[in-house]
Amino acid sequence: MTEEKPWYQSRSIWGGIVALVAAVAGLFGIPLDAATHEALTVALTSAAAAIGAVVAIIGRLAAQKTLR
């Protein structure tokens, strides 16, 4: 692993978050199956990547200096 990426693009991080949410939901009587875990992980990873892209574009448009 030599490439770096932001934490929000990591499926492992989002998978862990989904597992935590599923565990807490289970404590409140809301069952989440494995298919739902996978769907949530994919959806959250995609949403985080899209938000990151939008922030990068807005940042570039709002920048005060030009690129070389």
PDB file of N, CA and C in Angstrom:
ATOM      1  N   MET A   1       0.826  -1.188   0.000  1.00  0.00           N
ATOM      2  CA  MET A   1       0.000   0.000   0.000  1.00  0.00           C
ATOM      3  C   MET A   1       0.866   1.244   0.000  1.00  0.00           C
ATOM      4  N   THR A   2       1.116   1.782  -1.144  1.00  0.00           N
ATOM      5  CA  THR A   2       1.909   3.001  -1.206  1.00  0.00           C
ATOM      6  C   THR A   2       1.066   4.215  -1.552  1.00  0.00           C
ATOM      7  N   GLU A   3      -0.122   3.994  -2.091  1.00  0.00           N
ATOM      8  CA  GLU A   3      -0.984   5.119  -2.423  1.00  0.00           C
ATOM      9  C   GLU A   3      -1.714   5.602  -1.182  1.00  0.00           C
ATOM     10  N   GLU A   4      -1.895   6.908  -1.112  1.00  0.00           N
ATOM     11  CA  GLU A   4      -2.636   7.488  -0.005  1.00  0.00           C
ATOM     12  C   GLU A   4      -3.963   8.010  -0.523  1.00  0.00           C
ATOM     13  N   LYS A   5      -4.952   7.981   0.345  1.00  0.00           N
ATOM     14  CA  LYS A   5      -6.254   8.542   0.007  1.00  0.00           C
ATOM     15  C   LYS A   5      -6.865   9.092   1.284  1.00  0.00           C
ATOM     16  N   PRO A   6      -7.805  10.003   1.135  1.00  0.00           N
ATOM     17  CA  PRO A   6      -8.464  10.537   2.324  1.00  0.00           C
ATOM     18  C   PRO A   6      -9.245   9.439   3.048  1.00  0.00           C
ATOM     19  N   TRP A   7      -9.405   9.577   4.345  1.00  0.00           N
ATOM     20  CA  TRP A   7     -10.089   8.560   5.150  1.00  0.00           C
ATOM     21  C   TRP A   7     -11.497   8.306   4.647  1.00  0.00           C
ATOM     22  N   TYR A   8     -12.182   9.352   4.164  1.00  0.00           N
ATOM     23  CA  TYR A   8     -13.577   9.196   3.765  1.00  0.00           C
ATOM     24  C   TYR A   8     -13.751   8.394   2.469  1.00  0.00           C
ATOM     25  N   GLN A   9     -12.652   8.075   1.781  1.00  0.00           N
ATOM     26  CA  GLN A   9     -12.738   7.238   0.590  1.00  0.00           C
ATOM     27  C   GLN A   9     -12.431   5.775   0.897  1.00  0.00           C
ATOM     28  N   SER A  10     -12.232   5.451   2.142  1.00  0.00           N
ATOM     29  CA  SER A  10     -11.896   4.096   2.541  1.00  0.00           C
ATOM     30  C   SER A  10     -13.148   3.276   2.825  1.00  0.00           C
ATOM     31  N   ARG A  11     -13.315   2.194   2.076  1.00  0.00           N
ATOM     32  CA  ARG A  11     -14.447   1.300   2.327  1.00  0.00           C
ATOM     33  C   ARG A  11     -14.307   0.624   3.684  1.00  0.00           C
ATOM     34  N   SER A  12     -13.085   0.418   4.136  1.00  0.00           N
ATOM     35  CA  SER A  12     -12.879  -0.191   5.449  1.00  0.00           C
ATOM     36  C   SER A  12     -13.415   0.705   6.562  1.00  0.00           C
ATOM     37  N   ILE A  13     -13.126   1.990   6.469  1.00  0.00           N
ATOM     38  CA  ILE A  13     -13.616   2.937   7.472  1.00  0.00           C
ATOM     39  C   ILE A  13     -15.138   2.959   7.461  1.00  0.00           C
ATOM     40  N   TRP A  14     -15.735   3.104   6.274  1.00  0.00           N
ATOM     41  CA  TRP A  14     -17.196   3.145   6.181  1.00  0.00           C
ATOM     42  C   TRP A  14     -17.822   1.831   6.601  1.00  0.00           C
ATOM     43  N   GLY A  15     -17.172   0.715   6.286  1.00  0.00           N
ATOM     44  CA  GLY A  15     -17.668  -0.582   6.742  1.00  0.00           C
ATOM     45  C   GLY A  15     -17.689  -0.658   8.257  1.00  0.00           C
ATOM     46  N   GLY A  16     -16.638  -0.137   8.894  1.00  0.00           N
ATOM     47  CA  GLY A  16     -16.586  -0.099  10.348  1.00  0.00           C
ATOM     48  C   GLY A  16     -17.670   0.786  10.942  1.00  0.00           C
ATOM     49  N   ILE A  17     -17.897   1.920  10.306  1.00  0.00           N
ATOM     50  CA  ILE A  17     -18.953   2.825  10.769  1.00  0.00           C
ATOM     51  C   ILE A  17     -20.321   2.150  10.647  1.00  0.00           C
ATOM     52  N   VAL A  18     -20.553   1.490   9.509  1.00  0.00           N
ATOM     53  CA  VAL A  18     -21.827   0.787   9.310  1.00  0.00           C
ATOM     54  C   VAL A  18     -21.987  -0.327  10.335  1.00  0.00           C
ATOM     55  N   ALA A  19     -20.912  -1.063  10.613  1.00  0.00           N
ATOM     56  CA  ALA A  19     -20.977  -2.129  11.621  1.00  0.00           C
ATOM     57  C   ALA A  19     -21.312  -1.553  12.990  1.00  0.00           C
ATOM     58  N   LEU A  20     -20.723  -0.427  13.326  1.00  0.00           N
ATOM     59  CA  LEU A  20     -21.019   0.232  14.600  1.00  0.00           C
ATOM     60  C   LEU A  20     -22.478   0.671  14.653  1.00  0.00           C
ATOM     61  N   VAL A  21     -22.942   1.289  13.581  1.00  0.00           N
ATOM     62  CA  VAL A  21     -24.344   1.725  13.521  1.00  0.00           C
ATOM     63  C   VAL A  21     -25.283   0.527  13.624  1.00  0.00           C
ATOM     64  N   ALA A  22     -24.940  -0.572  12.942  1.00  0.00           N
ATOM     65  CA  ALA A  22     -25.768  -1.774  12.996  1.00  0.00           C
ATOM     66  C   ALA A  22     -25.812  -2.343  14.415  1.00  0.00           C
ATOM     67  N   ALA A  23     -24.682  -2.318  15.108  1.00  0.00           N
ATOM     68  CA  ALA A  23     -24.644  -2.815  16.481  1.00  0.00           C
ATOM     69  C   ALA A  23     -25.516  -1.961  17.393  1.00  0.00           C
ATOM     70  N   VAL A  24     -25.418  -0.655  17.243  1.00  0.00           N
ATOM     71  CA  VAL A  24     -26.235   0.242  18.053  1.00  0.00           C
ATOM     72  C   VAL A  24     -27.713   0.073  17.693  1.00  0.00           C
ATOM     73  N   ALA A  25     -27.998  -0.058  16.390  1.00  0.00           N
ATOM     74  CA  ALA A  25     -29.385  -0.273  15.965  1.00  0.00           C
ATOM     75  C   ALA A  25     -29.933  -1.568  16.557  1.00  0.00           C
ATOM     76  N   GLY A  26     -29.100  -2.604  16.604  1.00  0.00           N
ATOM     77  CA  GLY A  26     -29.510  -3.869  17.204  1.00  0.00           C
ATOM     78  C   GLY A  26     -29.874  -3.729  18.667  1.00  0.00           C
ATOM     79  N   LEU A  27     -29.157  -2.859  19.373  1.00  0.00           N
ATOM     80  CA  LEU A  27     -29.478  -2.606  20.780  1.00  0.00           C
ATOM     81  C   LEU A  27     -30.870  -2.004  20.942  1.00  0.00           C
ATOM     82  N   PHE A  28     -31.310  -1.288  19.911  1.00  0.00           N
ATOM     83  CA  PHE A  28     -32.629  -0.661  19.943  1.00  0.00           C
ATOM     84  C   PHE A  28     -33.682  -1.489  19.221  1.00  0.00           C
ATOM     85  N   GLY A  29     -33.331  -2.731  18.854  1.00  0.00           N
ATOM     86  CA  GLY A  29     -34.292  -3.630  18.231  1.00  0.00           C
ATOM     87  C   GLY A  29     -34.492  -3.444  16.740  1.00  0.00           C
ATOM     88  N   ILE A  30     -33.547  -2.796  16.069  1.00  0.00           N
ATOM     89  CA  ILE A  30     -33.630  -2.589  14.623  1.00  0.00           C
ATOM     90  C   ILE A  30     -32.621  -3.511  13.948  1.00  0.00           C
ATOM     91  N   PRO A  31     -33.081  -4.608  13.350  1.00  0.00           N
ATOM     92  CA  PRO A  31     -32.134  -5.544  12.728  1.00  0.00           C
ATOM     93  C   PRO A  31     -31.644  -5.061  11.356  1.00  0.00           C
ATOM     94  N   LEU A  32     -30.353  -5.238  11.074  1.00  0.00           N
ATOM     95  CA  LEU A  32     -29.773  -4.935   9.763  1.00  0.00           C
ATOM     96  C   LEU A  32     -29.043  -6.186   9.273  1.00  0.00           C
ATOM     97  N   ASP A  33     -29.435  -6.681   8.111  1.00  0.00           N
ATOM     98  CA  ASP A  33     -28.794  -7.889   7.585  1.00  0.00           C
ATOM     99  C   ASP A  33     -27.520  -7.547   6.817  1.00  0.00           C
ATOM    100  N   ALA A  34     -26.806  -8.582   6.372  1.00  0.00           N
ATOM    101  CA  ALA A  34     -25.517  -8.389   5.687  1.00  0.00           C
ATOM    102  C   ALA A  34     -25.678  -7.602   4.387  1.00  0.00           C
ATOM    103  N   ALA A  35     -26.753  -7.840   3.657  1.00  0.00           N
ATOM    104  CA  ALA A  35     -26.974  -7.116   2.400  1.00  0.00           C
ATOM    105  C   ALA A  35     -27.156  -5.622   2.665  1.00  0.00           C
ATOM    106  N   THR A  36     -27.852  -5.307   3.747  1.00  0.00           N
ATOM    107  CA  THR A  36     -28.042  -3.902   4.112  1.00  0.00           C
ATOM    108  C   THR A  36     -26.719  -3.267   4.511  1.00  0.00           C
ATOM    109  N   HIS A  37     -25.868  -4.012   5.236  1.00  0.00           N
ATOM    110  CA  HIS A  37     -24.528  -3.516   5.602  1.00  0.00           C
ATOM    111  C   HIS A  37     -23.758  -3.133   4.338  1.00  0.00           C
ATOM    112  N   GLU A  38     -23.730  -4.044   3.369  1.00  0.00           N
ATOM    113  CA  GLU A  38     -22.981  -3.794   2.127  1.00  0.00           C
ATOM    114  C   GLU A  38     -23.553  -2.601   1.371  1.00  0.00           C
ATOM    115  N   ALA A  39     -24.871  -2.530   1.268  1.00  0.00           N
ATOM    116  CA  ALA A  39     -25.506  -1.424   0.556  1.00  0.00           C
ATOM    117  C   ALA A  39     -25.199  -0.091   1.229  1.00  0.00           C
ATOM    118  N   LEU A  40     -25.252  -0.057   2.544  1.00  0.00           N
ATOM    119  CA  LEU A  40     -24.939   1.177   3.270  1.00  0.00           C
ATOM    120  C   LEU A  40     -23.477   1.579   3.085  1.00  0.00           C
ATOM    121  N   THR A  41     -22.584   0.614   3.122  1.00  0.00           N
ATOM    122  CA  THR A  41     -21.158   0.905   2.940  1.00  0.00           C
ATOM    123  C   THR A  41     -20.900   1.503   1.564  1.00  0.00           C
ATOM    124  N   VAL A  42     -21.473   0.891   0.535  1.00  0.00           N
ATOM    125  CA  VAL A  42     -21.296   1.400  -0.839  1.00  0.00           C
ATOM    126  C   VAL A  42     -21.907   2.791  -0.970  1.00  0.00           C
ATOM    127  N   ALA A  43     -23.099   2.974  -0.441  1.00  0.00           N
ATOM    128  CA  ALA A  43     -23.773   4.270  -0.546  1.00  0.00           C
ATOM    129  C   ALA A  43     -22.993   5.361   0.174  1.00  0.00           C
ATOM    130  N   LEU A  44     -22.521   5.077   1.380  1.00  0.00           N
ATOM    131  CA  LEU A  44     -21.774   6.080   2.141  1.00  0.00           C
ATOM    132  C   LEU A  44     -20.428   6.397   1.501  1.00  0.00           C
ATOM    133  N   THR A  45     -19.763   5.375   0.974  1.00  0.00           N
ATOM    134  CA  THR A  45     -18.481   5.606   0.293  1.00  0.00           C
ATOM    135  C   THR A  45     -18.681   6.475  -0.943  1.00  0.00           C
ATOM    136  N   SER A  46     -19.708   6.183  -1.716  1.00  0.00           N
ATOM    137  CA  SER A  46     -19.999   6.970  -2.916  1.00  0.00           C
ATOM    138  C   SER A  46     -20.374   8.404  -2.553  1.00  0.00           C
ATOM    139  N   ALA A  47     -21.195   8.560  -1.526  1.00  0.00           N
ATOM    140  CA  ALA A  47     -21.596   9.903  -1.103  1.00  0.00           C
ATOM    141  C   ALA A  47     -20.392  10.705  -0.609  1.00  0.00           C
ATOM    142  N   ALA A  48     -19.515  10.074   0.158  1.00  0.00           N
ATOM    143  CA  ALA A  48     -18.326  10.770   0.657  1.00  0.00           C
ATOM    144  C   ALA A  48     -17.421  11.194  -0.489  1.00  0.00           C
ATOM    145  N   ALA A  49     -17.257  10.326  -1.489  1.00  0.00           N
ATOM    146  CA  ALA A  49     -16.424  10.679  -2.642  1.00  0.00           C
ATOM    147  C   ALA A  49     -17.043  11.836  -3.418  1.00  0.00           C
ATOM    148  N   ALA A  50     -18.353  11.817  -3.583  1.00  0.00           N
ATOM    149  CA  ALA A  50     -19.036  12.895  -4.304  1.00  0.00           C
ATOM    150  C   ALA A  50     -18.915  14.217  -3.551  1.00  0.00           C
ATOM    151  N   ILE A  51     -19.086  14.169  -2.239  1.00  0.00           N
ATOM    152  CA  ILE A  51     -18.952  15.387  -1.438  1.00  0.00           C
ATOM    153  C   ILE A  51     -17.523  15.915  -1.510  1.00  0.00           C
ATOM    154  N   GLY A  52     -16.550  15.022  -1.458  1.00  0.00           N
ATOM    155  CA  GLY A  52     -15.152  15.431  -1.585  1.00  0.00           C
ATOM    156  C   GLY A  52     -14.882  16.103  -2.921  1.00  0.00           C
ATOM    157  N   ALA A  53     -15.455  15.574  -3.981  1.00  0.00           N
ATOM    158  CA  ALA A  53     -15.276  16.155  -5.311  1.00  0.00           C
ATOM    159  C   ALA A  53     -15.899  17.547  -5.384  1.00  0.00           C
ATOM    160  N   VAL A  54     -17.081  17.695  -4.831  1.00  0.00           N
ATOM    161  CA  VAL A  54     -17.752  18.996  -4.840  1.00  0.00           C
ATOM    162  C   VAL A  54     -16.946  20.018  -4.043  1.00  0.00           C
ATOM    163  N   VAL A  55     -16.448  19.628  -2.890  1.00  0.00           N
ATOM    164  CA  VAL A  55     -15.637  20.531  -2.071  1.00  0.00           C
ATOM    165  C   VAL A  55     -14.364  20.937  -2.813  1.00  0.00           C
ATOM    166  N   ALA A  56     -13.737  19.999  -3.505  1.00  0.00           N
ATOM    167  CA  ALA A  56     -12.529  20.310  -4.271  1.00  0.00           C
ATOM    168  C   ALA A  56     -12.832  21.296  -5.403  1.00  0.00           C
ATOM    169  N   ILE A  57     -13.931  21.091  -6.090  1.00  0.00           N
ATOM    170  CA  ILE A  57     -14.298  21.991  -7.192  1.00  0.00           C
ATOM    171  C   ILE A  57     -14.622  23.383  -6.653  1.00  0.00           C
ATOM    172  N   ILE A  58     -15.398  23.443  -5.604  1.00  0.00           N
ATOM    173  CA  ILE A  58     -15.737  24.745  -5.007  1.00  0.00           C
ATOM    174  C   ILE A  58     -14.474  25.441  -4.506  1.00  0.00           C
ATOM    175  N   GLY A  59     -13.587  24.695  -3.889  1.00  0.00           N
ATOM    176  CA  GLY A  59     -12.327  25.265  -3.412  1.00  0.00           C
ATOM    177  C   GLY A  59     -11.498  25.842  -4.541  1.00  0.00           C
ATOM    178  N   ARG A  60     -11.448  25.131  -5.658  1.00  0.00           N
ATOM    179  CA  ARG A  60     -10.674  25.631  -6.809  1.00  0.00           C
ATOM    180  C   ARG A  60     -11.322  26.876  -7.386  1.00  0.00           C
ATOM    181  N   LEU A  61     -12.647  26.898  -7.481  1.00  0.00           N
ATOM    182  CA  LEU A  61     -13.328  28.068  -8.024  1.00  0.00           C
ATOM    183  C   LEU A  61     -13.199  29.275  -7.107  1.00  0.00           C
ATOM    184  N   ALA A  62     -13.120  29.058  -5.809  1.00  0.00           N
ATOM    185  CA  ALA A  62     -13.020  30.160  -4.851  1.00  0.00           C
ATOM    186  C   ALA A  62     -11.573  30.586  -4.602  1.00  0.00           C
ATOM    187  N   ALA A  63     -10.621  29.865  -5.148  1.00  0.00           N
ATOM    188  CA  ALA A  63      -9.202  30.173  -4.906  1.00  0.00           C
ATOM    189  C   ALA A  63      -8.844  31.550  -5.445  1.00  0.00           C
ATOM    190  N   GLN A  64      -7.931  32.193  -4.747  1.00  0.00           N
ATOM    191  CA  GLN A  64      -7.500  33.544  -5.130  1.00  0.00           C
ATOM    192  C   GLN A  64      -6.311  33.537  -6.081  1.00  0.00           C
ATOM    193  N   LYS A  65      -5.602  32.412  -6.174  1.00  0.00           N
ATOM    194  CA  LYS A  65      -4.411  32.350  -7.026  1.00  0.00           C
ATOM    195  C   LYS A  65      -4.629  31.358  -8.153  1.00  0.00           C
ATOM    196  N   THR A  66      -3.990  31.609  -9.277  1.00  0.00           N
ATOM    197  CA  THR A  66      -4.098  30.699 -10.419  1.00  0.00           C
ATOM    198  C   THR A  66      -3.117  29.533 -10.274  1.00  0.00           C
ATOM    199  N   LEU A  67      -3.379  28.494 -11.023  1.00  0.00           N
ATOM    200  CA  LEU A  67      -2.493  27.324 -11.053  1.00  0.00           C
ATOM    201  C   LEU A  67      -1.404  27.538 -12.085  1.00  0.00           C
ATOM    202  N   ARG A  68      -0.257  26.903 -11.899  1.00  0.00           N
ATOM    203  CA  ARG A  68       0.816  26.967 -12.891  1.00  0.00           C
ATOM    204  C   ARG A  68       0.702  25.804 -13.822  1.00  0.00           C
TER     205      ARG A  68
END
